[in-house]
Amino acid sequence: MRQRNSGARQVALVGVLAALSLVILLLAAVSPSGRMGIVAVAGLVNAAAVISGGLHSGFLCWAVAGILGLILSPDKGNVLLYLIFFGVYPMVKSLIERLRRAPLEWLCKLVFFNVVLTFCWFVLRDALLAGLPAVFEQLWVLYAGGNVVFLVYDYGFSKLVMLYAARIDKAIRRR
């Protein structure tokens, strides 16, 4: 009986977190500015799913919010950015950090980011990168600036994950 309750609790948690991620994605669609930042916040919700429910919960949260976002959001570009980077990054980060070798972890994270950036440049440039300043049309500026911003993002992301794990997840597990 206890195990069934635990499964139901996990499904409910993923459902609530997927709904929260979807609401944040929908807010990004109507926001006059800062859309990429709002999409990044939607991706942080998946980190909560990974911490509280495991890697499979994170992937489920990502898939549900992404599919519903594609159906419901008027701004498909934000949802695509969520699906190909911000939403899936918490799970990728979790898998990479299992290597437990900092230089290799950083290399893998940078490779992942640069593959996504290259995909965005060649396949989704008009949808995702159109709002960037003209200086980013020079590839070296895009990659250099993008990698610096990504490293800062990953550092801040790690700090937020530690805060969630120490405070919020701990409180959830006590119940």
Protein backbone atom coordinates (compact mmCIF):
# COMPACT_ATOMS: atom_id res chain seq x y z
CA MET A 1 0.00 0.00 0.00
CA ARG A 2 2.80 2.43 0.86
CA GLN A 3 4.51 1.88 -2.49
CA ARG A 4 1.33 2.64 -4.45
CA ASN A 5 0.88 5.86 -2.49
CA SER A 6 4.46 6.79 -3.28
CA GLY A 7 3.83 6.26 -7.01
CA ALA A 8 0.67 8.34 -6.91
CA ARG A 9 2.53 11.08 -5.06
CA GLN A 10 5.27 11.09 -7.69
CA VAL A 11 2.76 11.28 -10.56
CA ALA A 12 0.97 14.13 -8.81
CA LEU A 13 4.27 15.97 -8.27
CA VAL A 14 5.22 15.60 -11.95
CA GLY A 15 1.75 16.77 -12.98
CA VAL A 16 1.94 19.87 -10.80
CA LEU A 17 5.48 20.68 -11.94
CA ALA A 18 4.58 20.15 -15.62
CA ALA A 19 1.59 22.47 -15.19
CA LEU A 20 3.81 25.08 -13.54
CA SER A 21 6.35 24.81 -16.34
CA LEU A 22 3.56 25.18 -18.92
CA VAL A 23 2.14 28.26 -17.18
CA ILE A 24 5.59 29.85 -17.20
CA LEU A 25 5.97 29.04 -20.91
CA LEU A 26 2.61 30.67 -21.59
CA LEU A 27 3.71 33.73 -19.61
CA ALA A 28 6.79 33.94 -21.83
CA ALA A 29 4.50 34.10 -24.86
CA VAL A 30 2.71 37.21 -23.59
CA SER A 31 5.66 38.94 -21.97
CA PRO A 32 6.79 42.12 -23.71
CA SER A 33 10.46 41.42 -22.92
CA GLY A 34 12.75 38.92 -21.24
CA ARG A 35 11.19 35.95 -22.98
CA MET A 36 14.37 33.88 -23.05
CA GLY A 37 14.82 34.41 -19.30
CA ILE A 38 11.26 33.34 -18.63
CA VAL A 39 11.75 30.21 -20.74
CA ALA A 40 14.90 29.51 -18.68
CA VAL A 41 12.80 29.71 -15.50
CA ALA A 42 10.36 27.19 -17.01
CA GLY A 43 13.32 24.86 -17.46
CA LEU A 44 14.30 25.23 -13.81
CA VAL A 45 11.04 23.54 -12.88
CA ASN A 46 12.34 20.36 -14.51
CA ALA A 47 15.32 20.42 -12.16
CA ALA A 48 12.84 20.27 -9.28
CA ALA A 49 11.26 17.22 -10.91
CA VAL A 50 14.68 15.54 -11.21
CA ILE A 51 15.59 16.27 -7.59
CA SER A 52 12.24 15.30 -6.11
CA GLY A 53 11.28 12.43 -8.41
CA GLY A 54 14.33 11.27 -10.32
CA LEU A 55 15.58 11.57 -13.88
CA HIS A 56 12.51 9.93 -15.41
CA SER A 57 10.27 12.47 -13.64
CA GLY A 58 12.31 15.29 -15.16
CA PHE A 59 11.96 13.86 -18.65
CA LEU A 60 8.23 13.32 -18.16
CA CYS A 61 7.75 16.89 -16.90
CA TRP A 62 9.74 18.20 -19.89
CA ALA A 63 7.77 16.15 -22.42
CA VAL A 64 4.33 16.99 -21.01
CA ALA A 65 5.02 20.73 -20.73
CA GLY A 66 6.67 20.78 -24.16
CA ILE A 67 3.89 18.94 -25.98
CA LEU A 68 1.16 20.98 -24.30
CA GLY A 69 3.18 24.13 -24.98
CA LEU A 70 3.32 23.32 -28.69
CA ILE A 71 -0.45 22.85 -28.67
CA LEU A 72 -1.45 25.80 -26.47
CA SER A 73 1.22 28.50 -26.79
CA PRO A 74 0.88 31.19 -29.43
CA ASP A 75 4.70 31.56 -29.48
CA LYS A 76 6.13 28.28 -30.73
CA GLY A 77 9.67 29.71 -30.74
CA ASN A 78 9.71 29.87 -26.94
CA VAL A 79 8.46 26.30 -26.71
CA LEU A 80 11.10 25.11 -29.18
CA LEU A 81 13.79 26.81 -27.10
CA TYR A 82 12.39 25.04 -24.05
CA LEU A 83 12.30 21.68 -25.83
CA ILE A 84 15.80 21.80 -27.30
CA PHE A 85 17.68 23.50 -24.49
CA PHE A 86 16.23 24.99 -21.31
CA GLY A 87 13.74 22.21 -20.63
CA VAL A 88 16.05 19.28 -21.30
CA TYR A 89 19.20 20.80 -19.77
CA PRO A 90 18.38 19.82 -16.16
CA MET A 91 18.38 16.15 -17.15
CA VAL A 92 21.48 16.51 -19.35
CA LYS A 93 23.24 18.31 -16.49
CA SER A 94 22.25 15.56 -14.06
CA LEU A 95 23.62 12.87 -16.36
CA ILE A 96 26.85 14.75 -17.07
CA GLU A 97 27.50 15.50 -13.40
CA ARG A 98 27.43 11.77 -12.65
CA LEU A 99 30.88 11.64 -14.28
CA ARG A 100 32.35 13.24 -11.12
CA ARG A 101 35.31 14.74 -13.03
CA ALA A 102 34.97 18.51 -13.23
CA PRO A 103 37.04 19.13 -16.39
CA LEU A 104 35.22 16.37 -18.28
CA GLU A 105 31.86 17.63 -17.00
CA TRP A 106 32.59 21.18 -18.20
CA LEU A 107 33.73 19.86 -21.57
CA CYS A 108 30.55 17.78 -22.00
CA LYS A 109 28.32 20.69 -20.96
CA LEU A 110 30.06 23.04 -23.41
CA VAL A 111 29.80 20.46 -26.20
CA PHE A 112 26.07 20.06 -25.49
CA PHE A 113 25.54 23.84 -25.48
CA ASN A 114 27.51 24.35 -28.69
CA VAL A 115 25.65 21.56 -30.48
CA VAL A 116 22.35 23.19 -29.51
CA LEU A 117 23.63 26.65 -30.51
CA THR A 118 24.80 25.31 -33.87
CA PHE A 119 21.42 23.64 -34.43
CA CYS A 120 19.66 26.91 -33.58
CA TRP A 121 21.95 28.84 -35.95
CA PHE A 122 21.53 26.57 -38.95
CA VAL A 123 17.98 25.26 -38.49
CA LEU A 124 16.00 27.65 -36.29
CA ARG A 125 17.81 30.96 -36.76
CA ASP A 126 14.75 32.93 -37.87
CA ALA A 127 12.56 31.59 -35.07
CA LEU A 128 14.98 31.71 -32.14
CA LEU A 129 17.84 34.07 -32.86
CA ALA A 130 16.00 36.85 -34.68
CA GLY A 131 15.80 39.07 -31.60
CA LEU A 132 19.55 39.14 -30.98
CA PRO A 133 21.53 42.31 -31.71
CA ALA A 134 23.21 42.52 -35.13
CA VAL A 135 26.68 42.00 -33.61
CA PHE A 136 25.72 38.34 -32.98
CA GLU A 137 25.48 37.75 -36.73
CA GLN A 138 29.25 37.28 -36.57
CA LEU A 139 29.63 33.64 -35.58
CA TRP A 140 32.68 34.12 -33.37
CA VAL A 141 30.80 36.73 -31.32
CA LEU A 142 27.76 34.46 -31.06
CA TYR A 143 29.81 31.49 -29.88
CA ALA A 144 32.16 33.42 -27.58
CA GLY A 145 29.35 35.41 -25.99
CA GLY A 146 27.04 32.41 -25.88
CA ASN A 147 29.62 30.25 -24.12
CA VAL A 148 30.33 32.91 -21.49
CA VAL A 149 26.62 33.40 -20.82
CA PHE A 150 26.13 29.62 -20.69
CA LEU A 151 28.89 29.19 -18.09
CA VAL A 152 27.32 31.89 -15.91
CA TYR A 153 23.90 30.27 -16.43
CA ASP A 154 25.21 26.84 -15.42
CA TYR A 155 26.86 28.24 -12.29
CA GLY A 156 23.68 30.04 -11.23
CA PHE A 157 21.60 26.99 -12.12
CA SER A 158 23.79 24.85 -9.83
CA LYS A 159 23.30 27.29 -6.96
CA LEU A 160 19.52 27.27 -7.42
CA VAL A 161 19.48 23.47 -7.55
CA MET A 162 21.41 23.30 -4.27
CA LEU A 163 19.00 25.79 -2.68
CA TYR A 164 15.98 23.79 -3.87
CA ALA A 165 17.45 20.50 -2.65
CA ALA A 166 18.39 21.91 0.77
CA ARG A 167 15.21 23.82 1.51
CA ILE A 168 12.20 22.99 -0.63
CA ASP A 169 12.76 19.31 -1.44
CA LYS A 170 13.65 18.64 2.18
CA ALA A 171 10.32 20.16 3.27
CA ILE A 172 8.39 18.19 0.63
CA ARG A 173 9.94 14.88 1.73
CA ARG A 174 9.01 15.49 5.38
CA ARG A 175 5.31 15.36 4.51
